[in-house]
C-alpha cells in the first residue's frame, strides 16, 4: 500500500495558537486544525513502502543548523481565477531556502521527480470551494499580520492520510537540526 508523503516544519504551539485565532470571517471555509498546521518543504506524493524507507534513510543525512523564521501577512492561491487556499506567509530567509533546496536534492536522489514549481513558503490556513464566501475582508483584516521570530529546530517526514472530513497529517520521523548558526 503506498504512502502519501511530504516533508515539513511544525511551528511551535504559540505560533499555531496565533494562526488559529486568525481563522474566522470567511463563510464555508474549511479551516485547518492545529494538527494540520505546517510549513511544507517538499510535497512527495505516493511512494511504495520500500522507496519511502529509502527516502526516510536519506533524510537522516541532511545536516543543517537551526534557524529562525517569521510569519508575515496572508494571501491566497488561485487556479483559473478561482481562489482555493488561504495562507499565512513566511518571510523569505536564506536558511529556509537552503534547507528546502537540500531536501529537494535528497528527494531527487531517492528517485522522486524534481519539483518544477517555484517554492512559495507558507502555512495553509483554509481550503476554499465554490460555496466559500468572499475572502477580501479576511485579507484586509490580516494583511499586516506578523509573528515571530520562532526557532526551527527540526523538520518532519509526514504521511498524509486522506479522509472525507479532511487530511490527517501523521508525523513519521522528526529530523533534528543542529545548533542555531
C-alpha atoms as a PDB file:
ATOM      1  CA  UNK A   1       0.000   0.000   0.000  1.00  0.00           C
ATOM      2  CA  UNK A   2       1.535   3.367  -0.999  1.00  0.00           C
ATOM      3  CA  UNK A   3       2.329   6.109   1.475  1.00  0.00           C
ATOM      4  CA  UNK A   4       1.350   9.716   0.613  1.00  0.00           C
ATOM      5  CA  UNK A   5       4.257  11.752   1.998  1.00  0.00           C
ATOM      6  CA  UNK A   6       5.500  15.302   2.445  1.00  0.00           C
ATOM      7  CA  UNK A   7       8.316  16.962   4.369  1.00  0.00           C
ATOM      8  CA  UNK A   8       7.549  19.967   6.550  1.00  0.00           C
ATOM      9  CA  UNK A   9       8.265  22.160   9.537  1.00  0.00           C
ATOM     10  CA  UNK A  10       5.897  22.167  12.505  1.00  0.00           C
ATOM     11  CA  UNK A  11       5.593  25.652  14.033  1.00  0.00           C
ATOM     12  CA  UNK A  12       5.665  25.897  17.835  1.00  0.00           C
ATOM     13  CA  UNK A  13       2.407  25.912  19.785  1.00  0.00           C
ATOM     14  CA  UNK A  14       2.388  29.683  20.376  1.00  0.00           C
ATOM     15  CA  UNK A  15       2.567  30.264  16.603  1.00  0.00           C
ATOM     16  CA  UNK A  16      -0.134  27.693  15.875  1.00  0.00           C
ATOM     17  CA  UNK A  17      -2.393  29.277  18.527  1.00  0.00           C
ATOM     18  CA  UNK A  18      -1.970  32.718  16.933  1.00  0.00           C
ATOM     19  CA  UNK A  19      -2.771  31.303  13.493  1.00  0.00           C
ATOM     20  CA  UNK A  20      -5.885  29.556  14.794  1.00  0.00           C
ATOM     21  CA  UNK A  21      -7.004  32.887  16.296  1.00  0.00           C
ATOM     22  CA  UNK A  22      -6.982  34.354  12.752  1.00  0.00           C
ATOM     23  CA  UNK A  23      -9.271  31.674  11.357  1.00  0.00           C
ATOM     24  CA  UNK A  24     -12.658  33.321  11.073  1.00  0.00           C
ATOM     25  CA  UNK A  25     -14.622  35.621   8.856  1.00  0.00           C
ATOM     26  CA  UNK A  26     -14.862  33.553   5.661  1.00  0.00           C
ATOM     27  CA  UNK A  27     -18.137  31.672   5.318  1.00  0.00           C
ATOM     28  CA  UNK A  28     -17.810  27.977   4.442  1.00  0.00           C
ATOM     29  CA  UNK A  29     -14.013  27.991   4.540  1.00  0.00           C
ATOM     30  CA  UNK A  30     -12.537  24.651   5.584  1.00  0.00           C
ATOM     31  CA  UNK A  31     -10.136  25.922   8.250  1.00  0.00           C
ATOM     32  CA  UNK A  32      -7.098  23.842   9.153  1.00  0.00           C
ATOM     33  CA  UNK A  33      -6.951  22.441  12.669  1.00  0.00           C
ATOM     34  CA  UNK A  34      -3.931  22.514  14.959  1.00  0.00           C
ATOM     35  CA  UNK A  35      -2.642  19.127  13.773  1.00  0.00           C
ATOM     36  CA  UNK A  36      -2.660  20.298  10.149  1.00  0.00           C
ATOM     37  CA  UNK A  37      -0.616  23.488  10.578  1.00  0.00           C
ATOM     38  CA  UNK A  38       2.818  23.146   8.989  1.00  0.00           C
ATOM     39  CA  UNK A  39       5.206  24.745   6.518  1.00  0.00           C
ATOM     40  CA  UNK A  40       5.772  22.364   3.603  1.00  0.00           C
ATOM     41  CA  UNK A  41       9.367  21.964   2.460  1.00  0.00           C
ATOM     42  CA  UNK A  42       8.588  19.356  -0.211  1.00  0.00           C
ATOM     43  CA  UNK A  43       5.436  17.515  -1.246  1.00  0.00           C
ATOM     44  CA  UNK A  44       6.496  13.979  -2.176  1.00  0.00           C
ATOM     45  CA  UNK A  45       3.247  12.216  -3.057  1.00  0.00           C
ATOM     46  CA  UNK A  46       2.613   8.483  -3.190  1.00  0.00           C
ATOM     47  CA  UNK A  47       5.553   6.146  -2.599  1.00  0.00           C
ATOM     48  CA  UNK A  48       5.735   2.409  -2.169  1.00  0.00           C
ATOM     49  CA  UNK A  49       6.915   1.311   1.321  1.00  0.00           C
ATOM     50  CA  UNK A  50      10.426   0.371   0.161  1.00  0.00           C
ATOM     51  CA  UNK A  51      11.001   3.732  -1.575  1.00  0.00           C
ATOM     52  CA  UNK A  52       9.522   5.556   1.431  1.00  0.00           C
ATOM     53  CA  UNK A  53      12.038   3.779   3.695  1.00  0.00           C
ATOM     54  CA  UNK A  54      14.859   4.790   1.333  1.00  0.00           C
ATOM     55  CA  UNK A  55      13.743   8.431   1.462  1.00  0.00           C
ATOM     56  CA  UNK A  56      13.491   8.335   5.254  1.00  0.00           C
ATOM     57  CA  UNK A  57      17.051   6.963   5.454  1.00  0.00           C
ATOM     58  CA  UNK A  58      18.438   9.560   3.050  1.00  0.00           C
ATOM     59  CA  UNK A  59      16.825  12.391   5.043  1.00  0.00           C
ATOM     60  CA  UNK A  60      18.925  11.351   8.057  1.00  0.00           C
ATOM     61  CA  UNK A  61      21.913  12.619   6.052  1.00  0.00           C
ATOM     62  CA  UNK A  62      20.609  16.209   5.987  1.00  0.00           C
ATOM     63  CA  UNK A  63      22.879  18.134   8.354  1.00  0.00           C
ATOM     64  CA  UNK A  64      21.776  21.718   8.754  1.00  0.00           C
ATOM     65  CA  UNK A  65      21.872  24.313  11.546  1.00  0.00           C
ATOM     66  CA  UNK A  66      18.681  25.520  13.184  1.00  0.00           C
ATOM     67  CA  UNK A  67      17.424  28.979  12.231  1.00  0.00           C
ATOM     68  CA  UNK A  68      14.611  31.440  12.884  1.00  0.00           C
ATOM     69  CA  UNK A  69      11.546  32.283  10.808  1.00  0.00           C
ATOM     70  CA  UNK A  70       8.887  34.970  10.875  1.00  0.00           C
ATOM     71  CA  UNK A  71       5.329  34.931   9.609  1.00  0.00           C
ATOM     72  CA  UNK A  72       4.317  37.966   7.598  1.00  0.00           C
ATOM     73  CA  UNK A  73       0.955  38.702   6.015  1.00  0.00           C
ATOM     74  CA  UNK A  74      -1.675  36.496   4.437  1.00  0.00           C
ATOM     75  CA  UNK A  75      -2.601  35.660   0.881  1.00  0.00           C
ATOM     76  CA  UNK A  76      -4.330  33.279  -1.470  1.00  0.00           C
ATOM     77  CA  UNK A  77      -3.612  30.714  -4.152  1.00  0.00           C
ATOM     78  CA  UNK A  78      -5.940  30.581  -7.126  1.00  0.00           C
ATOM     79  CA  UNK A  79      -6.309  28.353 -10.150  1.00  0.00           C
ATOM     80  CA  UNK A  80      -8.054  29.618 -13.293  1.00  0.00           C
ATOM     81  CA  UNK A  81      -9.148  32.721 -11.375  1.00  0.00           C
ATOM     82  CA  UNK A  82     -10.774  30.794  -8.517  1.00  0.00           C
ATOM     83  CA  UNK A  83      -9.260  31.181  -5.041  1.00  0.00           C
ATOM     84  CA  UNK A  84      -8.801  27.756  -3.410  1.00  0.00           C
ATOM     85  CA  UNK A  85      -6.393  28.372  -0.496  1.00  0.00           C
ATOM     86  CA  UNK A  86      -5.853  30.991   2.228  1.00  0.00           C
ATOM     87  CA  UNK A  87      -2.349  31.092   3.728  1.00  0.00           C
ATOM     88  CA  UNK A  88      -0.042  32.889   6.140  1.00  0.00           C
ATOM     89  CA  UNK A  89       3.215  33.953   4.518  1.00  0.00           C
ATOM     90  CA  UNK A  90       6.738  33.193   5.662  1.00  0.00           C
ATOM     91  CA  UNK A  91       9.322  35.979   5.336  1.00  0.00           C
ATOM     92  CA  UNK A  92      11.958  34.984   2.783  1.00  0.00           C
ATOM     93  CA  UNK A  93      15.020  33.661   4.560  1.00  0.00           C
ATOM     94  CA  UNK A  94      18.233  32.320   3.004  1.00  0.00           C
ATOM     95  CA  UNK A  95      18.448  29.478   5.539  1.00  0.00           C
ATOM     96  CA  UNK A  96      14.930  28.249   4.758  1.00  0.00           C
ATOM     97  CA  UNK A  97      15.598  28.292   1.024  1.00  0.00           C
ATOM     98  CA  UNK A  98      18.908  26.459   1.519  1.00  0.00           C
ATOM     99  CA  UNK A  99      17.242  23.758   3.649  1.00  0.00           C
ATOM    100  CA  UNK A 100      14.436  23.383   1.109  1.00  0.00           C
ATOM    101  CA  UNK A 101      16.982  23.079  -1.698  1.00  0.00           C
ATOM    102  CA  UNK A 102      18.934  20.433   0.199  1.00  0.00           C
ATOM    103  CA  UNK A 103      15.750  18.427   0.818  1.00  0.00           C
ATOM    104  CA  UNK A 104      14.863  18.749  -2.878  1.00  0.00           C
ATOM    105  CA  UNK A 105      18.246  17.209  -3.787  1.00  0.00           C
ATOM    106  CA  UNK A 106      17.638  14.333  -1.337  1.00  0.00           C
ATOM    107  CA  UNK A 107      14.220  13.695  -2.885  1.00  0.00           C
ATOM    108  CA  UNK A 108      15.738  13.571  -6.373  1.00  0.00           C
ATOM    109  CA  UNK A 109      18.454  11.179  -5.098  1.00  0.00           C
ATOM    110  CA  UNK A 110      15.593   8.990  -3.760  1.00  0.00           C
ATOM    111  CA  UNK A 111      14.141   8.771  -7.278  1.00  0.00           C
ATOM    112  CA  UNK A 112      11.385  11.382  -6.886  1.00  0.00           C
ATOM    113  CA  UNK A 113      10.588  13.571  -9.884  1.00  0.00           C
ATOM    114  CA  UNK A 114      12.058  17.093  -9.419  1.00  0.00           C
ATOM    115  CA  UNK A 115       9.622  19.791  -8.309  1.00  0.00           C
ATOM    116  CA  UNK A 116       9.089  22.222 -11.179  1.00  0.00           C
ATOM    117  CA  UNK A 117       7.003  24.806  -9.328  1.00  0.00           C
ATOM    118  CA  UNK A 118       8.741  27.731  -7.637  1.00  0.00           C
ATOM    119  CA  UNK A 119       8.915  27.273  -3.863  1.00  0.00           C
ATOM    120  CA  UNK A 120       6.487  29.610  -2.057  1.00  0.00           C
ATOM    121  CA  UNK A 121       6.862  29.190   1.722  1.00  0.00           C
ATOM    122  CA  UNK A 122       3.527  29.467   3.521  1.00  0.00           C
ATOM    123  CA  UNK A 123       1.298  27.849   6.127  1.00  0.00           C
ATOM    124  CA  UNK A 124      -2.125  26.880   4.778  1.00  0.00           C
ATOM    125  CA  UNK A 125      -4.943  28.314   6.881  1.00  0.00           C
ATOM    126  CA  UNK A 126      -8.021  27.223   4.900  1.00  0.00           C
ATOM    127  CA  UNK A 127      -9.216  25.352   1.831  1.00  0.00           C
ATOM    128  CA  UNK A 128     -11.957  27.044  -0.173  1.00  0.00           C
ATOM    129  CA  UNK A 129     -14.587  25.889  -2.646  1.00  0.00           C
ATOM    130  CA  UNK A 130     -17.377  27.393  -4.729  1.00  0.00           C
ATOM    131  CA  UNK A 131     -19.611  27.861  -1.678  1.00  0.00           C
ATOM    132  CA  UNK A 132     -16.990  29.886   0.206  1.00  0.00           C
ATOM    133  CA  UNK A 133     -17.829  33.495   0.976  1.00  0.00           C
ATOM    134  CA  UNK A 134     -15.679  36.468  -0.049  1.00  0.00           C
ATOM    135  CA  UNK A 135     -12.061  36.431   1.185  1.00  0.00           C
ATOM    136  CA  UNK A 136     -11.297  40.139   0.757  1.00  0.00           C
ATOM    137  CA  UNK A 137     -12.445  41.164   4.268  1.00  0.00           C
ATOM    138  CA  UNK A 138     -10.198  38.455   5.776  1.00  0.00           C
ATOM    139  CA  UNK A 139      -7.233  39.544   3.659  1.00  0.00           C
ATOM    140  CA  UNK A 140      -7.754  43.214   4.593  1.00  0.00           C
ATOM    141  CA  UNK A 141      -8.007  42.371   8.284  1.00  0.00           C
ATOM    142  CA  UNK A 142      -4.882  40.164   8.276  1.00  0.00           C
ATOM    143  CA  UNK A 143      -2.670  41.975   5.727  1.00  0.00           C
ATOM    144  CA  UNK A 144      -0.347  43.339   8.417  1.00  0.00           C
ATOM    145  CA  UNK A 145      -0.252  40.120  10.435  1.00  0.00           C
ATOM    146  CA  UNK A 146       3.262  39.364  11.679  1.00  0.00           C
ATOM    147  CA  UNK A 147       4.558  36.788  14.111  1.00  0.00           C
ATOM    148  CA  UNK A 148       7.936  35.637  15.328  1.00  0.00           C
ATOM    149  CA  UNK A 149      10.689  35.082  15.182  1.00  0.00           C
ATOM    150  CA  UNK A 150      10.406  31.425  16.091  1.00  0.00           C
ATOM    151  CA  UNK A 151      13.177  28.866  16.089  1.00  0.00           C
ATOM    152  CA  UNK A 152      13.180  25.987  13.622  1.00  0.00           C
ATOM    153  CA  UNK A 153      14.953  23.078  15.277  1.00  0.00           C
ATOM    154  CA  UNK A 154      13.714  20.181  13.148  1.00  0.00           C
ATOM    155  CA  UNK A 155      11.842  19.071  10.076  1.00  0.00           C
ATOM    156  CA  UNK A 156       9.427  16.144   9.796  1.00  0.00           C
ATOM    157  CA  UNK A 157       8.570  13.442   7.279  1.00  0.00           C
ATOM    158  CA  UNK A 158       4.766  13.269   7.346  1.00  0.00           C
ATOM    159  CA  UNK A 159       2.274  10.793   5.967  1.00  0.00           C
ATOM    160  CA  UNK A 160      -0.933  12.391   4.708  1.00  0.00           C
ATOM    161  CA  UNK A 161      -3.984  10.193   5.205  1.00  0.00           C
ATOM    162  CA  UNK A 162      -6.967  11.343   3.154  1.00  0.00           C
ATOM    163  CA  UNK A 163     -10.334  11.377   4.917  1.00  0.00           C
ATOM    164  CA  UNK A 164     -13.688  12.845   3.784  1.00  0.00           C
ATOM    165  CA  UNK A 165     -13.556  15.380   6.640  1.00  0.00           C
ATOM    166  CA  UNK A 166     -10.008  16.440   5.743  1.00  0.00           C
ATOM    167  CA  UNK A 167      -6.496  15.076   5.677  1.00  0.00           C
ATOM    168  CA  UNK A 168      -4.745  13.724   8.744  1.00  0.00           C
ATOM    169  CA  UNK A 169      -1.034  14.514   8.892  1.00  0.00           C
ATOM    170  CA  UNK A 170       0.811  11.785  10.743  1.00  0.00           C
ATOM    171  CA  UNK A 171       4.406  12.669  11.716  1.00  0.00           C
ATOM    172  CA  UNK A 172       6.532   9.642  10.782  1.00  0.00           C
ATOM    173  CA  UNK A 173      10.091  10.792  11.624  1.00  0.00           C
ATOM    174  CA  UNK A 174      11.412  14.036  13.119  1.00  0.00           C
ATOM    175  CA  UNK A 175      14.889  15.089  11.951  1.00  0.00           C
ATOM    176  CA  UNK A 176      16.745  17.405  14.341  1.00  0.00           C
ATOM    177  CA  UNK A 177      18.651  20.372  13.006  1.00  0.00           C
ATOM    178  CA  UNK A 178      21.938  21.434  14.570  1.00  0.00           C
ATOM    179  CA  UNK A 179      22.569  24.375  16.896  1.00  0.00           C
ATOM    180  CA  UNK A 180      21.478  27.780  15.550  1.00  0.00           C
ATOM    181  CA  UNK A 181      24.209  29.220  13.358  1.00  0.00           C
END
